[in-house]
């Protein structure tokens, strides 16, 4: 569990994240092209709704009534629904912004090579790491969501578009780009848990989930990727929908410092422990490749432990829905008799399942500062003035020894 830093340290950290955007702005005012000074020429992202920037609407074309495609989603930053499962920007947006790149384009929204001049995002809301067949073989029906193998198939299609007939021509692009593999795997647990599959059964899926993430990383390395960032799972015991679904009268079921459900957070840590162990193995097999572990769990827990440091007053409550924890069994954000709070930036969750923009921003800040990335992302490139400005302080060295 993360421990909270002192108030003075928190104040110093609060000044760091805006410096990245300020550095980009300075380049623009000086007449420079921000992309030309970007840390990486392209970013490629894989994952689920925590990383989706708009692919969902193209996959589920007959699901036009899904509330994520309509207001109030997107109200805080974009002023319209963009297909992001949030009121504004997500971690991927803040990462791209800090690296000096435009927001990463959803792969399914582009057609030409020019559309992907700065990379592509393959993440889709509801995506799983494992294929539906894995679950069907175990008597579990989760439908037919997008999964990592499909996202990798799209990536190979993009390589054919960018380097037709000669994938070796993409080698420079591959070894200079940043790859984000996740967050992914959450839905492999969410869907079974919400259907009340026994926890002990769901826990047995974790080695397979981590193995799929690992094989995807290996495949990307085989295609030429040299820098990859792999996020861990969030503390799902702090998610409002879980707090409602698994509400308990037993005091020992909750963490005293946060009010989050203990056993669910233990499960997140179990997933992350196996993932970190696998990353250590991959680093040994590929010493010429940089594999960054992004500690989403501890970055988020810092918010739940010290929410006021981030301006959040209701860390365990959803802004858009209604009811206990801001979640209702009969309504959801955008449908039913739902309500939207006046100040989303004061809430930890947007819709009861997904973080608010304020939470995403705080997580991104922790990752970009180097606090919760190992090795620190600011040390993985020598041509990134934005991340040099963010810096890396040993005071915030990650507790995990990778």
Protein backbone atom coordinates (compact mmCIF):
# COMPACT_ATOMS: atom_id res chain seq x y z
CA UNK A 1 0.00 0.00 0.00
CA UNK A 2 1.25 3.47 -0.82
CA UNK A 3 1.95 5.84 1.98
CA UNK A 4 1.06 9.49 1.69
CA UNK A 5 3.85 12.02 1.28
CA UNK A 6 4.16 15.15 3.35
CA UNK A 7 2.07 18.21 2.59
CA UNK A 8 5.08 20.17 1.35
CA UNK A 9 6.08 17.35 -0.99
CA UNK A 10 2.54 17.11 -2.30
CA UNK A 11 2.57 20.83 -3.02
CA UNK A 12 5.80 20.50 -4.99
CA UNK A 13 4.40 17.60 -6.97
CA UNK A 14 1.29 19.63 -7.76
CA UNK A 15 3.50 22.05 -9.71
CA UNK A 16 5.25 19.41 -11.78
CA UNK A 17 2.60 18.10 -14.16
CA UNK A 18 1.64 21.49 -15.69
CA UNK A 19 5.32 22.02 -16.59
CA UNK A 20 5.01 19.40 -19.32
CA UNK A 21 2.15 21.26 -20.99
CA UNK A 22 4.02 24.55 -20.43
CA UNK A 23 7.07 23.15 -22.20
CA UNK A 24 4.94 22.17 -25.20
CA UNK A 25 3.26 25.59 -25.21
CA UNK A 26 6.66 27.31 -25.18
CA UNK A 27 7.67 25.37 -28.27
CA UNK A 28 4.47 26.44 -30.04
CA UNK A 29 4.97 30.11 -29.14
CA UNK A 30 8.53 29.90 -30.38
CA UNK A 31 7.27 28.72 -33.74
CA UNK A 32 8.48 25.14 -33.33
CA UNK A 33 6.47 22.08 -34.21
CA UNK A 34 5.67 20.25 -30.93
CA UNK A 35 5.61 16.90 -32.72
CA UNK A 36 9.11 17.57 -34.07
CA UNK A 37 10.33 17.97 -30.49
CA UNK A 38 8.29 15.06 -29.16
CA UNK A 39 9.95 12.40 -27.06
CA UNK A 40 8.64 9.71 -29.40
CA UNK A 41 7.40 10.25 -32.98
CA UNK A 42 4.48 7.88 -32.41
CA UNK A 43 2.51 6.24 -29.62
CA UNK A 44 0.65 2.95 -30.08
CA UNK A 45 -1.83 1.87 -27.43
CA UNK A 46 -3.69 -1.35 -26.66
CA UNK A 47 -6.31 -1.91 -23.98
CA UNK A 48 -9.91 -1.58 -22.85
CA UNK A 49 -12.25 1.28 -21.87
CA UNK A 50 -9.58 2.84 -19.64
CA UNK A 51 -7.58 3.54 -22.80
CA UNK A 52 -10.26 3.79 -25.53
CA UNK A 53 -10.28 7.15 -27.31
CA UNK A 54 -13.14 6.32 -29.67
CA UNK A 55 -12.89 2.84 -31.19
CA UNK A 56 -15.99 1.55 -29.39
CA UNK A 57 -18.41 3.36 -31.69
CA UNK A 58 -16.88 1.72 -34.77
CA UNK A 59 -16.88 -1.79 -33.33
CA UNK A 60 -20.43 -1.67 -32.02
CA UNK A 61 -22.12 0.23 -34.83
CA UNK A 62 -25.54 -1.11 -33.84
CA UNK A 63 -25.11 0.08 -30.27
CA UNK A 64 -25.82 3.72 -31.06
CA UNK A 65 -27.91 4.08 -27.89
CA UNK A 66 -24.95 3.31 -25.64
CA UNK A 67 -24.73 6.35 -23.34
CA UNK A 68 -20.95 6.64 -23.75
CA UNK A 69 -21.60 7.92 -27.27
CA UNK A 70 -23.76 10.77 -26.01
CA UNK A 71 -23.66 13.59 -23.44
CA UNK A 72 -22.93 13.97 -20.59
CA UNK A 73 -19.83 11.92 -21.51
CA UNK A 74 -17.04 14.28 -22.55
CA UNK A 75 -18.66 17.32 -20.93
CA UNK A 76 -15.66 18.50 -18.91
CA UNK A 77 -12.95 18.86 -21.55
CA UNK A 78 -14.20 18.15 -25.05
CA UNK A 79 -17.71 19.52 -24.61
CA UNK A 80 -19.08 16.50 -26.46
CA UNK A 81 -19.02 12.72 -26.32
CA UNK A 82 -15.89 11.37 -28.02
CA UNK A 83 -16.25 7.68 -27.25
CA UNK A 84 -14.07 8.02 -24.15
CA UNK A 85 -15.60 6.41 -21.07
CA UNK A 86 -15.03 9.58 -19.10
CA UNK A 87 -16.11 13.17 -18.63
CA UNK A 88 -12.89 14.32 -20.29
CA UNK A 89 -9.34 13.12 -20.90
CA UNK A 90 -7.89 9.78 -19.91
CA UNK A 91 -4.34 8.75 -18.95
CA UNK A 92 -3.37 8.14 -22.59
CA UNK A 93 -4.37 11.72 -23.47
CA UNK A 94 -2.23 13.18 -20.70
CA UNK A 95 0.72 10.98 -21.67
CA UNK A 96 0.52 12.04 -25.32
CA UNK A 97 0.16 15.67 -24.31
CA UNK A 98 3.20 15.52 -22.05
CA UNK A 99 5.26 13.77 -24.72
CA UNK A 100 4.53 16.58 -27.17
CA UNK A 101 2.13 14.61 -29.37
CA UNK A 102 -1.51 15.11 -30.41
CA UNK A 103 -4.13 12.88 -28.81
CA UNK A 104 -3.72 9.34 -30.09
CA UNK A 105 -6.12 8.61 -32.92
CA UNK A 106 -8.50 5.62 -32.64
CA UNK A 107 -7.34 3.10 -35.22
CA UNK A 108 -10.84 2.43 -36.54
CA UNK A 109 -11.40 6.13 -37.31
CA UNK A 110 -8.52 6.38 -39.79
CA UNK A 111 -8.09 5.25 -43.37
CA UNK A 112 -4.79 6.49 -44.75
CA UNK A 113 -1.20 6.28 -43.59
CA UNK A 114 -1.30 10.04 -42.99
CA UNK A 115 -4.03 9.53 -40.40
CA UNK A 116 -1.53 7.67 -38.24
CA UNK A 117 1.41 10.04 -38.49
CA UNK A 118 1.59 10.15 -34.69
CA UNK A 119 0.52 6.60 -33.88
CA UNK A 120 -2.74 4.78 -33.27
CA UNK A 121 -4.91 3.54 -30.44
CA UNK A 122 -6.35 0.02 -30.67
CA UNK A 123 -8.05 -0.04 -27.26
CA UNK A 124 -11.79 -0.74 -27.17
CA UNK A 125 -14.25 -0.41 -24.33
CA UNK A 126 -15.12 -3.82 -22.92
CA UNK A 127 -12.03 -5.50 -24.38
CA UNK A 128 -10.48 -8.48 -22.65
CA UNK A 129 -6.97 -9.87 -22.69
CA UNK A 130 -8.19 -13.42 -23.30
CA UNK A 131 -10.45 -14.51 -26.13
CA UNK A 132 -14.11 -15.42 -25.44
CA UNK A 133 -13.20 -19.04 -26.18
CA UNK A 134 -11.14 -19.16 -22.99
CA UNK A 135 -14.27 -18.40 -20.99
CA UNK A 136 -16.61 -20.58 -23.04
CA UNK A 137 -14.31 -23.54 -22.45
CA UNK A 138 -14.96 -22.95 -18.74
CA UNK A 139 -18.71 -22.62 -19.10
CA UNK A 140 -18.75 -18.81 -18.89
CA UNK A 141 -20.49 -16.65 -21.48
CA UNK A 142 -19.05 -13.12 -21.68
CA UNK A 143 -20.34 -12.44 -25.18
CA UNK A 144 -17.92 -11.57 -27.97
CA UNK A 145 -15.80 -8.65 -26.84
CA UNK A 146 -12.72 -7.41 -28.62
CA UNK A 147 -9.58 -9.00 -27.16
CA UNK A 148 -5.83 -8.56 -27.39
CA UNK A 149 -5.40 -10.93 -30.33
CA UNK A 150 -7.87 -8.83 -32.34
CA UNK A 151 -6.10 -5.60 -31.41
CA UNK A 152 -2.79 -7.12 -32.50
CA UNK A 153 -4.40 -8.17 -35.78
CA UNK A 154 -5.41 -4.54 -36.35
CA UNK A 155 -1.87 -3.45 -35.56
CA UNK A 156 -0.48 -5.81 -38.20
CA UNK A 157 -3.00 -4.40 -40.67
CA UNK A 158 -1.69 -0.92 -39.85
CA UNK A 159 1.90 -2.04 -40.47
CA UNK A 160 0.80 -3.28 -43.89
CA UNK A 161 -0.69 0.15 -44.54
CA UNK A 162 2.36 2.07 -43.34
CA UNK A 163 4.95 -0.23 -44.95
CA UNK A 164 3.18 -2.12 -47.75
CA UNK A 165 5.03 -5.19 -48.91
CA UNK A 166 8.06 -4.59 -46.71
CA UNK A 167 7.62 -4.62 -42.94
CA UNK A 168 11.36 -4.08 -42.51
CA UNK A 169 10.76 -0.53 -43.73
CA UNK A 170 8.88 0.05 -40.48
CA UNK A 171 11.87 -0.87 -38.31
CA UNK A 172 12.87 2.73 -37.53
CA UNK A 173 9.28 3.60 -36.67
CA UNK A 174 8.97 0.58 -34.38
CA UNK A 175 12.17 1.13 -32.43
CA UNK A 176 11.50 4.86 -31.99
CA UNK A 177 7.84 4.58 -30.88
CA UNK A 178 6.34 4.18 -27.43
CA UNK A 179 3.97 1.22 -26.97
CA UNK A 180 1.39 1.13 -24.19
CA UNK A 181 0.21 -2.41 -23.59
CA UNK A 182 -2.81 -1.85 -21.37
CA UNK A 183 -4.44 -1.30 -19.09
CA UNK A 184 -5.90 -4.66 -20.10
CA UNK A 185 -7.22 -7.65 -18.17
CA UNK A 186 -9.71 -5.82 -15.97
CA UNK A 187 -12.70 -7.06 -17.97
CA UNK A 188 -11.43 -10.63 -17.75
CA UNK A 189 -12.27 -10.26 -14.06
CA UNK A 190 -15.10 -7.69 -14.12
CA UNK A 191 -17.50 -9.65 -16.29
CA UNK A 192 -17.26 -12.90 -14.28
CA UNK A 193 -17.30 -11.10 -10.91
CA UNK A 194 -20.36 -9.04 -11.79
CA UNK A 195 -22.12 -12.24 -12.85
CA UNK A 196 -21.29 -13.53 -9.35
CA UNK A 197 -18.84 -16.19 -10.41
CA UNK A 198 -16.99 -17.26 -7.24
CA UNK A 199 -13.93 -15.16 -6.53
CA UNK A 200 -11.69 -18.21 -6.13
CA UNK A 201 -12.65 -19.31 -9.65
CA UNK A 202 -11.97 -15.86 -11.15
CA UNK A 203 -8.59 -15.73 -9.42
CA UNK A 204 -7.49 -18.83 -11.35
CA UNK A 205 -7.73 -16.79 -14.58
CA UNK A 206 -4.92 -14.43 -13.60
CA UNK A 207 -1.95 -16.53 -14.78
CA UNK A 208 -3.61 -16.86 -18.20
CA UNK A 209 -4.36 -13.13 -18.36
CA UNK A 210 -0.76 -12.24 -17.53
CA UNK A 211 0.54 -14.84 -20.01
CA UNK A 212 -1.54 -13.23 -22.78
CA UNK A 213 -0.20 -9.77 -21.92
CA UNK A 214 3.30 -11.23 -21.95
CA UNK A 215 2.86 -12.93 -25.33
CA UNK A 216 1.55 -9.65 -26.78
CA UNK A 217 4.62 -7.81 -25.50
CA UNK A 218 6.82 -10.54 -26.99
CA UNK A 219 5.05 -10.25 -30.33
CA UNK A 220 5.53 -6.48 -30.39
CA UNK A 221 9.21 -6.89 -29.55
CA UNK A 222 9.49 -9.39 -32.38
CA UNK A 223 8.09 -6.74 -34.70
CA UNK A 224 10.72 -4.26 -33.56
CA UNK A 225 9.31 -2.46 -30.50
CA UNK A 226 12.06 -1.16 -28.21
CA UNK A 227 10.15 0.84 -25.58
CA UNK A 228 6.98 -0.46 -23.98
CA UNK A 229 4.98 0.71 -21.00
CA UNK A 230 2.81 -1.91 -19.29
CA UNK A 231 0.24 -0.62 -16.77
CA UNK A 232 -0.93 -2.69 -13.84
CA UNK A 233 -4.50 -3.02 -12.62
CA UNK A 234 -6.26 -0.30 -10.62
CA UNK A 235 -7.46 -0.91 -7.04
CA UNK A 236 -10.84 -2.32 -8.03
CA UNK A 237 -11.98 -2.40 -4.41
CA UNK A 238 -12.29 1.40 -4.64
CA UNK A 239 -14.58 1.39 -7.68
CA UNK A 240 -18.12 2.56 -6.77
CA UNK A 241 -19.89 -0.20 -8.73
CA UNK A 242 -17.90 -2.82 -6.80
CA UNK A 243 -18.53 -1.01 -3.52
CA UNK A 244 -22.26 -1.29 -4.21
CA UNK A 245 -22.27 -4.84 -5.63
CA UNK A 246 -20.17 -6.30 -2.82
CA UNK A 247 -21.41 -4.08 0.00
CA UNK A 248 -20.75 -5.75 3.35
CA UNK A 249 -21.75 -5.22 6.97
CA UNK A 250 -18.41 -6.59 8.13
CA UNK A 251 -15.95 -3.92 9.15
CA UNK A 252 -12.99 -6.20 8.42
CA UNK A 253 -13.99 -6.35 4.74
CA UNK A 254 -12.90 -2.72 4.29
CA UNK A 255 -9.55 -0.97 4.40
CA UNK A 256 -9.66 1.49 7.32
CA UNK A 257 -7.59 4.17 5.58
CA UNK A 258 -9.61 4.28 2.35
CA UNK A 259 -12.97 2.58 2.81
CA UNK A 260 -12.18 0.35 -0.19
CA UNK A 261 -13.05 -3.36 -0.19
CA UNK A 262 -10.01 -5.21 1.07
CA UNK A 263 -10.31 -8.54 -0.77
CA UNK A 264 -10.88 -6.88 -4.13
CA UNK A 265 -7.78 -4.74 -3.72
CA UNK A 266 -5.88 -7.85 -2.66
CA UNK A 267 -6.95 -9.34 -5.98
CA UNK A 268 -5.63 -6.32 -7.91
CA UNK A 269 -2.31 -6.61 -6.11
CA UNK A 270 -2.17 -10.33 -6.94
CA UNK A 271 -2.62 -9.56 -10.65
CA UNK A 272 0.04 -6.85 -10.48
CA UNK A 273 2.46 -9.09 -8.62
CA UNK A 274 2.25 -11.76 -11.34
CA UNK A 275 2.53 -9.09 -14.03
CA UNK A 276 5.66 -7.58 -12.47
CA UNK A 277 7.21 -11.03 -12.15
CA UNK A 278 6.56 -11.65 -15.84
CA UNK A 279 8.05 -8.28 -16.79
CA UNK A 280 11.25 -9.19 -14.95
CA UNK A 281 11.47 -12.36 -17.05
CA UNK A 282 10.88 -10.43 -20.27
CA UNK A 283 13.62 -7.93 -19.40
CA UNK A 284 16.10 -10.75 -18.97
CA UNK A 285 15.12 -12.27 -22.31
CA UNK A 286 15.27 -8.90 -24.10
CA UNK A 287 18.04 -6.82 -22.48
CA UNK A 288 18.06 -4.39 -25.40
CA UNK A 289 14.39 -3.50 -24.85
CA UNK A 290 13.03 -1.06 -22.26
CA UNK A 291 9.91 -2.41 -20.55
CA UNK A 292 8.40 0.12 -18.15
CA UNK A 293 6.00 -1.03 -15.46
CA UNK A 294 3.34 1.62 -14.82
CA UNK A 295 2.11 1.21 -11.27
CA UNK A 296 -1.50 2.30 -11.73
CA UNK A 297 -2.42 0.73 -8.42
CA UNK A 298 -0.15 2.86 -6.26
CA UNK A 299 -0.74 5.98 -8.35
CA UNK A 300 -4.47 5.60 -7.77
CA UNK A 301 -4.11 4.60 -4.11
CA UNK A 302 -2.30 7.86 -3.46
CA UNK A 303 -5.54 9.57 -4.48
CA UNK A 304 -7.70 7.41 -2.21
CA UNK A 305 -5.33 7.89 0.71
CA UNK A 306 -4.92 11.66 0.25
CA UNK A 307 -7.77 12.86 -2.00
CA UNK A 308 -7.63 16.50 -0.92
CA UNK A 309 -4.09 16.77 -2.26
CA UNK A 310 -5.66 16.36 -5.70
CA UNK A 311 -8.70 18.52 -5.05
CA UNK A 312 -10.98 15.48 -4.82
CA UNK A 313 -13.61 15.52 -2.09
CA UNK A 314 -15.50 12.31 -2.91
CA UNK A 315 -12.95 9.69 -3.96
CA UNK A 316 -15.32 6.71 -3.72
CA UNK A 317 -18.36 8.35 -5.31
CA UNK A 318 -19.45 8.60 -8.95
CA UNK A 319 -20.38 11.98 -10.37
CA UNK A 320 -22.81 10.72 -13.01
CA UNK A 321 -25.53 8.26 -12.00
CA UNK A 322 -27.07 8.46 -8.53
CA UNK A 323 -27.66 6.43 -5.41
CA UNK A 324 -25.25 4.92 -2.89
CA UNK A 325 -21.64 5.64 -3.92
CA UNK A 326 -23.21 7.59 -6.78
CA UNK A 327 -24.33 4.32 -8.35
CA UNK A 328 -27.85 3.05 -8.92
CA UNK A 329 -29.16 -0.39 -9.87
CA UNK A 330 -31.87 1.20 -12.01
CA UNK A 331 -29.98 4.05 -13.68
CA UNK A 332 -26.56 4.81 -15.04
CA UNK A 333 -24.73 7.75 -16.51
CA UNK A 334 -26.75 8.77 -19.55
CA UNK A 335 -29.78 6.54 -19.02
CA UNK A 336 -32.63 6.15 -16.56
CA UNK A 337 -33.24 8.69 -13.83
CA UNK A 338 -29.60 9.69 -13.53
CA UNK A 339 -28.05 12.82 -12.12
CA UNK A 340 -24.80 14.64 -12.90
CA UNK A 341 -22.84 16.41 -10.18
CA UNK A 342 -21.99 20.09 -10.50
CA UNK A 343 -18.21 19.67 -10.08
CA UNK A 344 -16.88 16.43 -11.63
CA UNK A 345 -13.32 17.38 -10.66
CA UNK A 346 -14.24 16.76 -7.02
CA UNK A 347 -15.23 13.12 -7.65
CA UNK A 348 -12.97 10.10 -7.96
CA UNK A 349 -15.25 8.29 -10.40
CA UNK A 350 -17.18 9.53 -13.39
CA UNK A 351 -19.84 6.86 -13.96
CA UNK A 352 -19.30 4.34 -11.19
CA UNK A 353 -16.98 2.14 -13.25
CA UNK A 354 -14.49 4.51 -14.85
CA UNK A 355 -12.36 7.19 -13.20
CA UNK A 356 -13.10 10.88 -13.60
CA UNK A 357 -10.77 13.10 -15.59
CA UNK A 358 -9.42 14.42 -12.27
CA UNK A 359 -8.41 10.90 -11.25
CA UNK A 360 -6.92 10.11 -14.65
CA UNK A 361 -4.90 13.32 -14.51
CA UNK A 362 -3.55 12.48 -11.05
CA UNK A 363 -2.60 8.96 -12.16
CA UNK A 364 -0.89 10.29 -15.28
CA UNK A 365 1.02 12.83 -13.26
CA UNK A 366 2.32 10.11 -10.96
CA UNK A 367 3.44 8.04 -13.94
CA UNK A 368 5.03 10.90 -15.85
CA UNK A 369 6.94 12.24 -12.88
CA UNK A 370 8.61 8.88 -12.62
CA UNK A 371 7.03 8.31 -9.23
CA UNK A 372 5.13 5.23 -10.29
CA UNK A 373 7.02 3.98 -13.34
CA UNK A 374 9.93 1.60 -13.13
CA UNK A 375 12.26 2.44 -14.69
CA UNK A 376 11.16 6.11 -14.59
CA UNK A 377 9.77 7.09 -17.98
CA UNK A 378 11.76 10.33 -17.79
CA UNK A 379 14.98 8.28 -18.01
CA UNK A 380 14.01 6.22 -21.06
CA UNK A 381 14.77 8.87 -23.66
CA UNK A 382 17.46 11.54 -23.94
CA UNK A 383 15.44 13.81 -26.23
CA UNK A 384 12.43 14.72 -24.15
CA UNK A 385 12.57 18.27 -22.75
CA UNK A 386 9.05 17.93 -21.37
CA UNK A 387 9.94 14.95 -19.19
CA UNK A 388 13.25 16.51 -18.18
CA UNK A 389 11.19 19.40 -16.81
CA UNK A 390 9.03 16.92 -14.91
CA UNK A 391 12.15 15.31 -13.51
CA UNK A 392 12.46 12.36 -11.22
CA UNK A 393 13.02 12.59 -7.51
CA UNK A 394 14.49 9.71 -5.54
CA UNK A 395 12.12 10.76 -2.77
CA UNK A 396 9.30 9.22 -4.80
CA UNK A 397 11.13 6.09 -5.94
CA UNK A 398 8.68 3.24 -6.52
CA UNK A 399 8.57 0.77 -3.68
CA UNK A 400 8.57 -2.21 -6.00
CA UNK A 401 12.07 -3.45 -6.78
CA UNK A 402 11.89 -4.53 -10.38
